[in-house]
C-alpha atoms as a PDB file:
ATOM      1  CA  MET A   1       0.000   0.000   0.000  1.00  0.00           C
ATOM      2  CA  THR A   2       1.365   3.408  -1.018  1.00  0.00           C
ATOM      3  CA  ALA A   3       0.217   6.513   0.842  1.00  0.00           C
ATOM      4  CA  PRO A   4      -0.652   9.669  -1.128  1.00  0.00           C
ATOM      5  CA  PRO A   5       2.537  11.345  -2.390  1.00  0.00           C
ATOM      6  CA  LEU A   6       4.150  13.821  -0.034  1.00  0.00           C
ATOM      7  CA  SER A   7       4.415  17.440  -1.111  1.00  0.00           C
ATOM      8  CA  ALA A   8       7.574  18.076   0.933  1.00  0.00           C
ATOM      9  CA  SER A   9       9.997  16.219   3.150  1.00  0.00           C
ATOM     10  CA  PRO A  10       8.626  15.902   6.728  1.00  0.00           C
ATOM     11  CA  ALA A  11      10.280  17.971   9.464  1.00  0.00           C
ATOM     12  CA  LEU A  12      12.375  15.692  11.651  1.00  0.00           C
ATOM     13  CA  GLY A  13      11.995  17.563  14.943  1.00  0.00           C
ATOM     14  CA  PRO A  14       8.249  16.918  15.423  1.00  0.00           C
ATOM     15  CA  LEU A  15       8.655  13.305  14.286  1.00  0.00           C
ATOM     16  CA  LEU A  16      11.407  12.632  16.829  1.00  0.00           C
ATOM     17  CA  ALA A  17       9.281  14.275  19.527  1.00  0.00           C
ATOM     18  CA  ARG A  18       6.240  12.179  18.585  1.00  0.00           C
ATOM     19  CA  GLY A  19       8.315   9.016  18.587  1.00  0.00           C
ATOM     20  CA  ALA A  20       9.733   9.845  22.007  1.00  0.00           C
ATOM     21  CA  LEU A  21       6.272  10.501  23.457  1.00  0.00           C
ATOM     22  CA  LEU A  22       4.833   7.250  22.110  1.00  0.00           C
ATOM     23  CA  SER A  23       7.827   5.055  22.997  1.00  0.00           C
ATOM     24  CA  PRO A  24       6.849   4.337  26.644  1.00  0.00           C
ATOM     25  CA  PHE A  25       3.526   2.900  25.437  1.00  0.00           C
ATOM     26  CA  LYS A  26       5.115   0.373  23.072  1.00  0.00           C
ATOM     27  CA  ARG A  27       6.121  -3.055  24.335  1.00  0.00           C
ATOM     28  CA  PRO A  28       8.149  -4.887  21.683  1.00  0.00           C
ATOM     29  CA  ARG A  29       7.827  -8.652  21.707  1.00  0.00           C
ATOM     30  CA  PRO A  30       8.927 -11.631  19.624  1.00  0.00           C
ATOM     31  CA  GLY A  31       6.816 -12.203  16.539  1.00  0.00           C
ATOM     32  CA  ALA A  32       5.788  -8.565  16.066  1.00  0.00           C
ATOM     33  CA  ALA A  33       4.635  -7.687  12.539  1.00  0.00           C
ATOM     34  CA  PHE A  34       4.134  -4.445  10.653  1.00  0.00           C
ATOM     35  CA  SER A  35       2.732  -3.450   7.266  1.00  0.00           C
ATOM     36  CA  GLY A  36       2.845   0.313   7.292  1.00  0.00           C
ATOM     37  CA  GLY A  37       2.786   1.118   3.614  1.00  0.00           C
ATOM     38  CA  ARG A  38       5.158   3.082   1.446  1.00  0.00           C
ATOM     39  CA  LEU A  39       5.899   6.810   1.534  1.00  0.00           C
ATOM     40  CA  VAL A  40       6.827   8.566  -1.711  1.00  0.00           C
ATOM     41  CA  LEU A  41       8.284  12.034  -2.184  1.00  0.00           C
ATOM     42  CA  PRO A  42       8.150  12.941  -5.900  1.00  0.00           C
ATOM     43  CA  ASP A  43       9.737  15.945  -7.586  1.00  0.00           C
ATOM     44  CA  LEU A  44      12.715  16.048  -5.231  1.00  0.00           C
ATOM     45  CA  ARG A  45      15.460  18.518  -6.090  1.00  0.00           C
ATOM     46  CA  VAL A  46      18.732  18.652  -4.205  1.00  0.00           C
ATOM     47  CA  ASP A  47      19.414  21.688  -2.009  1.00  0.00           C
ATOM     48  CA  LEU A  48      22.966  22.540  -3.094  1.00  0.00           C
ATOM     49  CA  ALA A  49      23.806  24.595  -0.007  1.00  0.00           C
ATOM     50  CA  ARG A  50      22.755  21.784   2.310  1.00  0.00           C
ATOM     51  CA  LEU A  51      24.635  19.269   0.181  1.00  0.00           C
ATOM     52  CA  ALA A  52      27.845  21.320   0.347  1.00  0.00           C
ATOM     53  CA  ALA A  53      27.532  21.619   4.133  1.00  0.00           C
ATOM     54  CA  TYR A  54      27.083  17.837   4.385  1.00  0.00           C
ATOM     55  CA  GLU A  55      30.144  17.230   2.214  1.00  0.00           C
ATOM     56  CA  ARG A  56      32.288  19.483   4.394  1.00  0.00           C
ATOM     57  CA  VAL A  57      31.192  17.831   7.644  1.00  0.00           C
ATOM     58  CA  CYS A  58      31.768  14.299   6.286  1.00  0.00           C
ATOM     59  CA  GLY A  59      35.005  14.946   4.386  1.00  0.00           C
ATOM     60  CA  PHE A  60      33.725  14.536   0.826  1.00  0.00           C
ATOM     61  CA  PRO A  61      35.095  16.893  -1.844  1.00  0.00           C
ATOM     62  CA  THR A  62      32.820  19.829  -2.540  1.00  0.00           C
ATOM     63  CA  GLY A  63      31.907  21.260  -5.924  1.00  0.00           C
ATOM     64  CA  ASP A  64      31.371  17.995  -7.797  1.00  0.00           C
ATOM     65  CA  ASP A  65      28.009  17.704  -9.558  1.00  0.00           C
ATOM     66  CA  ALA A  66      27.346  14.347  -7.929  1.00  0.00           C
ATOM     67  CA  LEU A  67      25.771  13.133  -4.712  1.00  0.00           C
ATOM     68  CA  PRO A  68      28.034  11.279  -2.251  1.00  0.00           C
ATOM     69  CA  ILE A  69      27.006   7.653  -1.999  1.00  0.00           C
ATOM     70  CA  THR A  70      25.602   8.143   1.522  1.00  0.00           C
ATOM     71  CA  TYR A  71      23.624  11.330   0.830  1.00  0.00           C
ATOM     72  CA  PRO A  72      20.349   9.739  -0.377  1.00  0.00           C
ATOM     73  CA  HIS A  73      20.082   8.155   3.076  1.00  0.00           C
ATOM     74  CA  VAL A  74      19.940  11.666   4.554  1.00  0.00           C
ATOM     75  CA  LEU A  75      17.202  12.581   2.082  1.00  0.00           C
ATOM     76  CA  GLY A  76      15.182   9.481   2.960  1.00  0.00           C
ATOM     77  CA  PHE A  77      15.667   9.569   6.726  1.00  0.00           C
ATOM     78  CA  PRO A  78      12.699  11.890   7.462  1.00  0.00           C
ATOM     79  CA  LEU A  79      10.368   9.533   5.580  1.00  0.00           C
ATOM     80  CA  ALA A  80      11.677   6.581   7.574  1.00  0.00           C
ATOM     81  CA  MET A  81      11.164   8.517  10.805  1.00  0.00           C
ATOM     82  CA  ARG A  82       7.605   9.381   9.801  1.00  0.00           C
ATOM     83  CA  ILE A  83       6.852   5.676   9.543  1.00  0.00           C
ATOM     84  CA  MET A  84       8.754   4.571  12.653  1.00  0.00           C
ATOM     85  CA  SER A  85       7.433   7.370  14.872  1.00  0.00           C
ATOM     86  CA  GLY A  86       3.809   6.485  14.067  1.00  0.00           C
ATOM     87  CA  ARG A  87       1.360   4.802  16.425  1.00  0.00           C
ATOM     88  CA  ALA A  88       1.089   1.694  14.248  1.00  0.00           C
ATOM     89  CA  PHE A  89       4.837   0.958  14.278  1.00  0.00           C
ATOM     90  CA  PRO A  90       5.303  -1.607  17.063  1.00  0.00           C
ATOM     91  CA  LEU A  91       8.887  -0.792  18.106  1.00  0.00           C
ATOM     92  CA  PRO A  92       9.702   2.201  20.347  1.00  0.00           C
ATOM     93  CA  LEU A  93      11.705   4.895  18.629  1.00  0.00           C
ATOM     94  CA  LEU A  94      13.629   5.668  21.820  1.00  0.00           C
ATOM     95  CA  GLY A  95      16.432   3.145  22.121  1.00  0.00           C
ATOM     96  CA  LEU A  96      16.216   2.020  18.496  1.00  0.00           C
ATOM     97  CA  VAL A  97      19.796   1.325  17.326  1.00  0.00           C
ATOM     98  CA  HIS A  98      20.992   1.594  13.719  1.00  0.00           C
ATOM     99  CA  THR A  99      22.966  -1.658  13.378  1.00  0.00           C
ATOM    100  CA  SER A 100      23.801  -1.898   9.663  1.00  0.00           C
ATOM    101  CA  ILE A 101      23.284  -0.428   6.222  1.00  0.00           C
ATOM    102  CA  SER A 102      23.844  -1.787   2.749  1.00  0.00           C
ATOM    103  CA  LEU A 103      23.530   0.612  -0.140  1.00  0.00           C
ATOM    104  CA  THR A 104      23.929   0.426  -3.891  1.00  0.00           C
ATOM    105  CA  ARG A 105      24.585   3.262  -6.313  1.00  0.00           C
ATOM    106  CA  HIS A 106      23.858   2.023  -9.815  1.00  0.00           C
ATOM    107  CA  ARG A 107      25.393   5.044 -11.551  1.00  0.00           C
ATOM    108  CA  PRO A 108      26.477   8.616 -10.729  1.00  0.00           C
ATOM    109  CA  LEU A 109      23.756  10.802  -9.220  1.00  0.00           C
ATOM    110  CA  PRO A 110      23.814  14.378 -10.549  1.00  0.00           C
ATOM    111  CA  ALA A 111      23.189  17.072  -7.959  1.00  0.00           C
ATOM    112  CA  THR A 112      21.818  19.551 -10.494  1.00  0.00           C
ATOM    113  CA  GLY A 113      19.499  19.290 -13.481  1.00  0.00           C
ATOM    114  CA  THR A 114      17.784  16.127 -12.237  1.00  0.00           C
ATOM    115  CA  THR A 115      14.529  15.613 -10.361  1.00  0.00           C
ATOM    116  CA  TYR A 116      14.297  12.499  -8.207  1.00  0.00           C
ATOM    117  CA  GLU A 117      11.574  10.425  -6.636  1.00  0.00           C
ATOM    118  CA  LEU A 118      12.255   9.077  -3.152  1.00  0.00           C
ATOM    119  CA  ALA A 119      10.412   6.097  -1.684  1.00  0.00           C
ATOM    120  CA  VAL A 120      10.744   4.514   1.773  1.00  0.00           C
ATOM    121  CA  HIS A 121       9.050   1.553   3.429  1.00  0.00           C
ATOM    122  CA  VAL A 122       9.618  -0.878   6.278  1.00  0.00           C
ATOM    123  CA  ASP A 123      10.131  -4.125   4.416  1.00  0.00           C
ATOM    124  CA  ARG A 124       9.889  -6.487   7.379  1.00  0.00           C
ATOM    125  CA  LEU A 125      10.526  -7.075  11.063  1.00  0.00           C
ATOM    126  CA  VAL A 126      12.982  -9.882  11.768  1.00  0.00           C
ATOM    127  CA  PRO A 127      14.049 -11.662  14.968  1.00  0.00           C
ATOM    128  CA  HIS A 128      17.459 -10.836  16.391  1.00  0.00           C
ATOM    129  CA  ARG A 129      19.260 -12.551  19.256  1.00  0.00           C
ATOM    130  CA  ARG A 130      18.797  -9.342  21.276  1.00  0.00           C
ATOM    131  CA  GLY A 131      15.290  -8.395  20.180  1.00  0.00           C
ATOM    132  CA  THR A 132      13.675  -7.372  16.889  1.00  0.00           C
ATOM    133  CA  GLU A 133      15.103  -5.545  13.884  1.00  0.00           C
ATOM    134  CA  ALA A 134      13.181  -3.385  11.442  1.00  0.00           C
ATOM    135  CA  VAL A 135      14.493  -3.523   7.875  1.00  0.00           C
ATOM    136  CA  VAL A 136      13.957  -0.170   6.163  1.00  0.00           C
ATOM    137  CA  VAL A 137      14.268   0.074   2.375  1.00  0.00           C
ATOM    138  CA  THR A 138      14.950   3.381   0.617  1.00  0.00           C
ATOM    139  CA  GLU A 139      14.886   3.830  -3.171  1.00  0.00           C
ATOM    140  CA  LEU A 140      15.868   6.799  -5.288  1.00  0.00           C
ATOM    141  CA  ARG A 141      14.568   6.981  -8.852  1.00  0.00           C
ATOM    142  CA  GLU A 142      14.745   9.477 -11.646  1.00  0.00           C
ATOM    143  CA  ALA A 143      11.384  11.229 -11.597  1.00  0.00           C
ATOM    144  CA  GLY A 144       9.097  11.333 -14.589  1.00  0.00           C
ATOM    145  CA  SER A 145      10.529   8.420 -16.559  1.00  0.00           C
ATOM    146  CA  GLY A 146       7.236   6.545 -16.570  1.00  0.00           C
ATOM    147  CA  GLY A 147       7.486   3.353 -14.543  1.00  0.00           C
ATOM    148  CA  GLU A 148       4.620   0.922 -15.241  1.00  0.00           C
ATOM    149  CA  ASP A 149       3.868   0.571 -11.527  1.00  0.00           C
ATOM    150  CA  GLY A 150       3.243   4.291 -11.153  1.00  0.00           C
ATOM    151  CA  THR A 151       6.691   5.041  -9.776  1.00  0.00           C
ATOM    152  CA  GLY A 152       9.216   7.332 -11.355  1.00  0.00           C
ATOM    153  CA  GLY A 153      11.113   4.648 -13.234  1.00  0.00           C
ATOM    154  CA  GLU A 154      14.649   3.279 -12.982  1.00  0.00           C
ATOM    155  CA  VAL A 155      16.095   2.851  -9.495  1.00  0.00           C
ATOM    156  CA  VAL A 156      19.436   4.664  -9.436  1.00  0.00           C
ATOM    157  CA  TRP A 157      20.225   4.189  -5.729  1.00  0.00           C
ATOM    158  CA  GLU A 158      18.832   1.899  -3.036  1.00  0.00           C
ATOM    159  CA  SER A 159      19.568   0.875   0.517  1.00  0.00           C
ATOM    160  CA  GLU A 160      18.553  -1.427   3.346  1.00  0.00           C
ATOM    161  CA  SER A 161      19.020  -0.284   6.945  1.00  0.00           C
ATOM    162  CA  THR A 162      18.459  -2.398  10.037  1.00  0.00           C
ATOM    163  CA  TYR A 163      17.269  -0.841  13.306  1.00  0.00           C
ATOM    164  CA  LEU A 164      17.329  -2.942  16.477  1.00  0.00           C
ATOM    165  CA  ALA A 165      14.856  -2.704  19.357  1.00  0.00           C
ATOM    166  CA  ARG A 166      16.227  -4.638  22.325  1.00  0.00           C
ATOM    167  CA  HIS A 167      13.840  -6.820  24.324  1.00  0.00           C
ATOM    168  CA  ARG A 168      13.593 -10.296  25.772  1.00  0.00           C
ATOM    169  CA  THR A 169      13.399 -12.938  23.071  1.00  0.00           C
ATOM    170  CA  GLY A 170      12.339 -15.964  25.104  1.00  0.00           C
ATOM    171  CA  GLY A 171      15.260 -17.941  23.731  1.00  0.00           C
ATOM    172  CA  GLN A 172      18.177 -17.729  21.345  1.00  0.00           C
ATOM    173  CA  VAL A 173      17.464 -16.885  17.727  1.00  0.00           C
ATOM    174  CA  PRO A 174      19.956 -16.579  14.876  1.00  0.00           C
ATOM    175  CA  GLU A 175      21.237 -13.088  14.152  1.00  0.00           C
ATOM    176  CA  PRO A 176      20.123 -12.087  10.634  1.00  0.00           C
ATOM    177  CA  ALA A 177      22.659 -11.166   8.033  1.00  0.00           C
ATOM    178  CA  PRO A 178      22.773  -7.475   7.061  1.00  0.00           C
ATOM    179  CA  GLY A 179      21.350  -6.114   3.830  1.00  0.00           C
ATOM    180  CA  HIS A 180      20.219  -8.022   0.745  1.00  0.00           C
ATOM    181  CA  GLY A 181      20.871 -11.452   2.269  1.00  0.00           C
ATOM    182  CA  GLU A 182      24.632 -11.040   2.040  1.00  0.00           C
ATOM    183  CA  PRO A 183      26.891 -12.747   4.612  1.00  0.00           C
ATOM    184  CA  PRO A 184      27.952 -10.826   7.721  1.00  0.00           C
ATOM    185  CA  LEU A 185      31.124  -8.803   7.416  1.00  0.00           C
ATOM    186  CA  PRO A 186      34.129 -10.951   8.440  1.00  0.00           C
ATOM    187  CA  LEU A 187      35.284 -10.789  12.046  1.00  0.00           C
ATOM    188  CA  ALA A 188      38.487 -12.781  11.697  1.00  0.00           C
ATOM    189  CA  GLY A 189      41.589 -12.562   9.565  1.00  0.00           C
ATOM    190  CA  ALA A 190      44.643 -10.332   9.568  1.00  0.00           C
ATOM    191  CA  PRO A 191      43.971  -6.870  11.016  1.00  0.00           C
ATOM    192  CA  LEU A 192      43.592  -4.149   8.426  1.00  0.00           C
ATOM    193  CA  PRO A 193      46.522  -1.705   8.366  1.00  0.00           C
ATOM    194  CA  VAL A 194      45.891   1.702   9.923  1.00  0.00           C
ATOM    195  CA  VAL A 195      46.343   4.484   7.372  1.00  0.00           C
ATOM    196  CA  ASP A 196      45.164   7.491   9.382  1.00  0.00           C
ATOM    197  CA  GLU A 197      44.063   8.714  12.798  1.00  0.00           C
ATOM    198  CA  TRP A 198      41.248  11.198  13.254  1.00  0.00           C
ATOM    199  CA  ARG A 199      40.809  13.424  16.280  1.00  0.00           C
ATOM    200  CA  LEU A 200      37.093  14.046  16.641  1.00  0.00           C
ATOM    201  CA  GLY A 201      35.855  17.164  18.364  1.00  0.00           C
ATOM    202  CA  ALA A 202      32.991  17.314  20.842  1.00  0.00           C
ATOM    203  CA  ASP A 203      30.910  19.177  18.260  1.00  0.00           C
ATOM    204  CA  VAL A 204      30.871  16.459  15.562  1.00  0.00           C
ATOM    205  CA  GLY A 205      27.389  15.304  16.559  1.00  0.00           C
ATOM    206  CA  ARG A 206      26.006  18.833  16.574  1.00  0.00           C
ATOM    207  CA  ARG A 207      27.588  19.635  13.200  1.00  0.00           C
ATOM    208  CA  TYR A 208      26.275  16.478  11.566  1.00  0.00           C
ATOM    209  CA  GLY A 209      22.883  16.981  13.195  1.00  0.00           C
ATOM    210  CA  ALA A 210      22.692  20.462  11.655  1.00  0.00           C
ATOM    211  CA  VAL A 211      23.274  19.191   8.097  1.00  0.00           C
ATOM    212  CA  SER A 212      21.283  15.943   8.381  1.00  0.00           C
ATOM    213  CA  GLY A 213      18.422  17.110  10.566  1.00  0.00           C
ATOM    214  CA  ASP A 214      19.033  14.190  12.966  1.00  0.00           C
ATOM    215  CA  ARG A 215      19.294  16.005  16.297  1.00  0.00           C
ATOM    216  CA  ASN A 216      18.927  12.966  18.517  1.00  0.00           C
ATOM    217  CA  PRO A 217      19.963  14.021  22.066  1.00  0.00           C
ATOM    218  CA  ILE A 218      22.549  11.222  22.348  1.00  0.00           C
ATOM    219  CA  HIS A 219      24.656  13.006  19.723  1.00  0.00           C
ATOM    220  CA  LEU A 220      24.457  16.586  20.963  1.00  0.00           C
ATOM    221  CA  SER A 221      26.072  16.984  24.390  1.00  0.00           C
ATOM    222  CA  PRO A 222      27.363  14.996  27.387  1.00  0.00           C
ATOM    223  CA  LEU A 223      24.376  16.130  29.455  1.00  0.00           C
ATOM    224  CA  THR A 224      21.717  14.893  27.038  1.00  0.00           C
ATOM    225  CA  ALA A 225      23.685  11.720  26.223  1.00  0.00           C
ATOM    226  CA  ARG A 226      23.889  10.794  29.925  1.00  0.00           C
ATOM    227  CA  LEU A 227      20.092  10.746  30.079  1.00  0.00           C
ATOM    228  CA  PHE A 228      20.269   7.706  27.780  1.00  0.00           C
ATOM    229  CA  GLY A 229      23.145   5.939  29.509  1.00  0.00           C
ATOM    230  CA  PHE A 230      26.153   7.233  27.554  1.00  0.00           C
ATOM    231  CA  PRO A 231      29.096   8.858  29.392  1.00  0.00           C
ATOM    232  CA  ARG A 232      29.534  11.390  26.595  1.00  0.00           C
ATOM    233  CA  ALA A 233      27.860  12.289  23.321  1.00  0.00           C
ATOM    234  CA  ILE A 234      28.344   9.730  20.541  1.00  0.00           C
ATOM    235  CA  ALA A 235      28.892  10.244  16.827  1.00  0.00           C
ATOM    236  CA  HIS A 236      26.076   9.410  14.413  1.00  0.00           C
ATOM    237  CA  GLY A 237      26.608   6.013  12.847  1.00  0.00           C
ATOM    238  CA  MET A 238      25.932   7.457   9.397  1.00  0.00           C
ATOM    239  CA  TRP A 239      28.555  10.147   9.976  1.00  0.00           C
ATOM    240  CA  THR A 240      31.143   7.451  10.736  1.00  0.00           C
ATOM    241  CA  ALA A 241      30.099   5.533   7.607  1.00  0.00           C
ATOM    242  CA  ALA A 242      30.243   8.655   5.435  1.00  0.00           C
ATOM    243  CA  ARG A 243      33.610   9.723   6.861  1.00  0.00           C
ATOM    244  CA  CYS A 244      35.080   6.277   6.173  1.00  0.00           C
ATOM    245  CA  LEU A 245      33.715   6.190   2.622  1.00  0.00           C
ATOM    246  CA  ALA A 246      34.980   9.708   1.933  1.00  0.00           C
ATOM    247  CA  ALA A 247      38.459   8.503   2.928  1.00  0.00           C
ATOM    248  CA  HIS A 248      38.209   5.148   1.142  1.00  0.00           C
ATOM    249  CA  GLY A 249      36.525   6.320  -2.071  1.00  0.00           C
ATOM    250  CA  THR A 250      33.858   4.535  -4.104  1.00  0.00           C
ATOM    251  CA  PRO A 251      33.506   3.819  -7.829  1.00  0.00           C
ATOM    252  CA  ALA A 252      30.710   5.401  -9.855  1.00  0.00           C
ATOM    253  CA  ALA A 253      28.634   2.226  -9.550  1.00  0.00           C
ATOM    254  CA  ALA A 254      29.201   0.653  -6.157  1.00  0.00           C
ATOM    255  CA  HIS A 255      27.743  -1.586  -3.474  1.00  0.00           C
ATOM    256  CA  VAL A 256      28.636  -0.804   0.144  1.00  0.00           C
ATOM    257  CA  ALA A 257      27.891  -2.755   3.316  1.00  0.00           C
ATOM    258  CA  VAL A 258      28.548  -1.297   6.773  1.00  0.00           C
ATOM    259  CA  ASP A 259      28.093  -2.741  10.271  1.00  0.00           C
ATOM    260  CA  PHE A 260      27.893  -0.363  13.239  1.00  0.00           C
ATOM    261  CA  ARG A 261      29.494  -2.326  16.069  1.00  0.00           C
ATOM    262  CA  ALA A 262      30.215   0.103  18.924  1.00  0.00           C
ATOM    263  CA  PRO A 263      29.535   3.800  19.560  1.00  0.00           C
ATOM    264  CA  VAL A 264      32.235   6.425  19.009  1.00  0.00           C
ATOM    265  CA  LEU A 265      32.445   8.714  22.038  1.00  0.00           C
ATOM    266  CA  LEU A 266      33.012  12.441  21.496  1.00  0.00           C
ATOM    267  CA  PRO A 267      35.542  13.922  21.764  1.00  0.00           C
ATOM    268  CA  GLY A 268      37.899  11.107  20.920  1.00  0.00           C
ATOM    269  CA  THR A 269      40.510   9.680  18.578  1.00  0.00           C
ATOM    270  CA  VAL A 270      39.862   6.833  16.152  1.00  0.00           C
ATOM    271  CA  ALA A 271      42.017   4.935  13.680  1.00  0.00           C
ATOM    272  CA  PHE A 272      40.949   4.413  10.072  1.00  0.00           C
ATOM    273  CA  ALA A 273      42.193   1.115   8.653  1.00  0.00           C
ATOM    274  CA  THR A 274      41.748  -0.220   5.142  1.00  0.00           C
ATOM    275  CA  ARG A 275      42.993  -2.732   2.607  1.00  0.00           C
ATOM    276  CA  GLY A 276      41.442  -3.317  -0.803  1.00  0.00           C
ATOM    277  CA  GLY A 277      37.698  -2.983  -0.509  1.00  0.00           C
ATOM    278  CA  ARG A 278      37.544  -3.453   3.279  1.00  0.00           C
ATOM    279  CA  PHE A 279      37.717  -0.764   5.952  1.00  0.00           C
ATOM    280  CA  GLU A 280      37.369  -0.361   9.710  1.00  0.00           C
ATOM    281  CA  LEU A 281      37.158   2.410  12.255  1.00  0.00           C
ATOM    282  CA  ARG A 282      38.899   1.324  15.456  1.00  0.00           C
ATOM    283  CA  GLY A 283      39.777   2.690  18.839  1.00  0.00           C
ATOM    284  CA  THR A 284      43.270   3.899  19.722  1.00  0.00           C
ATOM    285  CA  GLY A 285      45.492   3.607  22.789  1.00  0.00           C
ATOM    286  CA  GLY A 286      44.018   1.307  25.424  1.00  0.00           C
ATOM    287  CA  ASP A 287      40.876   1.000  23.300  1.00  0.00           C
ATOM    288  CA  GLY A 288      42.864   0.012  20.233  1.00  0.00           C
ATOM    289  CA  GLU A 289      41.288  -3.410  19.693  1.00  0.00           C
ATOM    290  CA  ARG A 290      37.728  -2.141  19.706  1.00  0.00           C
ATOM    291  CA  VAL A 291      36.080  -2.005  16.278  1.00  0.00           C
ATOM    292  CA  HIS A 292      33.475   0.726  15.966  1.00  0.00           C
ATOM    293  CA  VAL A 293      32.612   0.369  12.263  1.00  0.00           C
ATOM    294  CA  ARG A 294      33.372  -2.366   9.745  1.00  0.00           C
ATOM    295  CA  GLY A 295      32.591  -2.135   6.038  1.00  0.00           C
ATOM    296  CA  ARG A 296      33.380  -3.177   2.504  1.00  0.00           C
ATOM    297  CA  VAL A 297      33.085  -1.578  -0.923  1.00  0.00           C
ATOM    298  CA  GLY A 298      32.455  -3.548  -4.098  1.00  0.00           C
END
């Protein structure tokens, strides 16, 4: 079921507030199901000023007439939040953890001269050894190219994100593989060589929140993060993914898979390691063995 097309991207602030207010009334349980329909935003044009600000915060080069491979996720995030903050969505928004993303760019995505159609839906809820995961699918199409199903036409970018709600499972269940049925990212093998260290300021969460619209309190300050059990603010998972991909690089047509394994506390120092198509973001010093982010590019 597809809802009537949206005329504009929803504002994230009210959606996050609604989700927070409804969260205490939701009791996730094994076997939960959801069929919440599909949200479509047609006639989407890229805001070049916002795009440039995003590129600067994440380390992508500015001035290219092409969207970074992670940017459509930012465009689709408000639609996902509209679905997941609703009364019908069975998982509480507060405490929902972004655990993985797989995304595919089928060809370069011009920033100017192109109108896109954005579509988001929750594809399924799946059992996880720690609770239940929602699998959110986002698709970007070229608008107006006349798809037979009433959509814009050719998919030029797509992603699957998994969001975990922790709860008692009543027994062990297998942990699902991330994105598109692909195997989990490898845990063993020779450590990837460190190629750079990044010192992250306390304001990284606030800066990314300003360009993405995701002003979740856990990312903004030590005070608000402590309310949710963190000793300090933590970096957005999608900022860490974007920063790694900006450093690694991606081909024009690419598939990327990323696992978010542990939060990055702010301020802090992290090590970027890579070899071939694999990359990691790891701790340094006494925290040097801890992997925060693991990914691959193909």
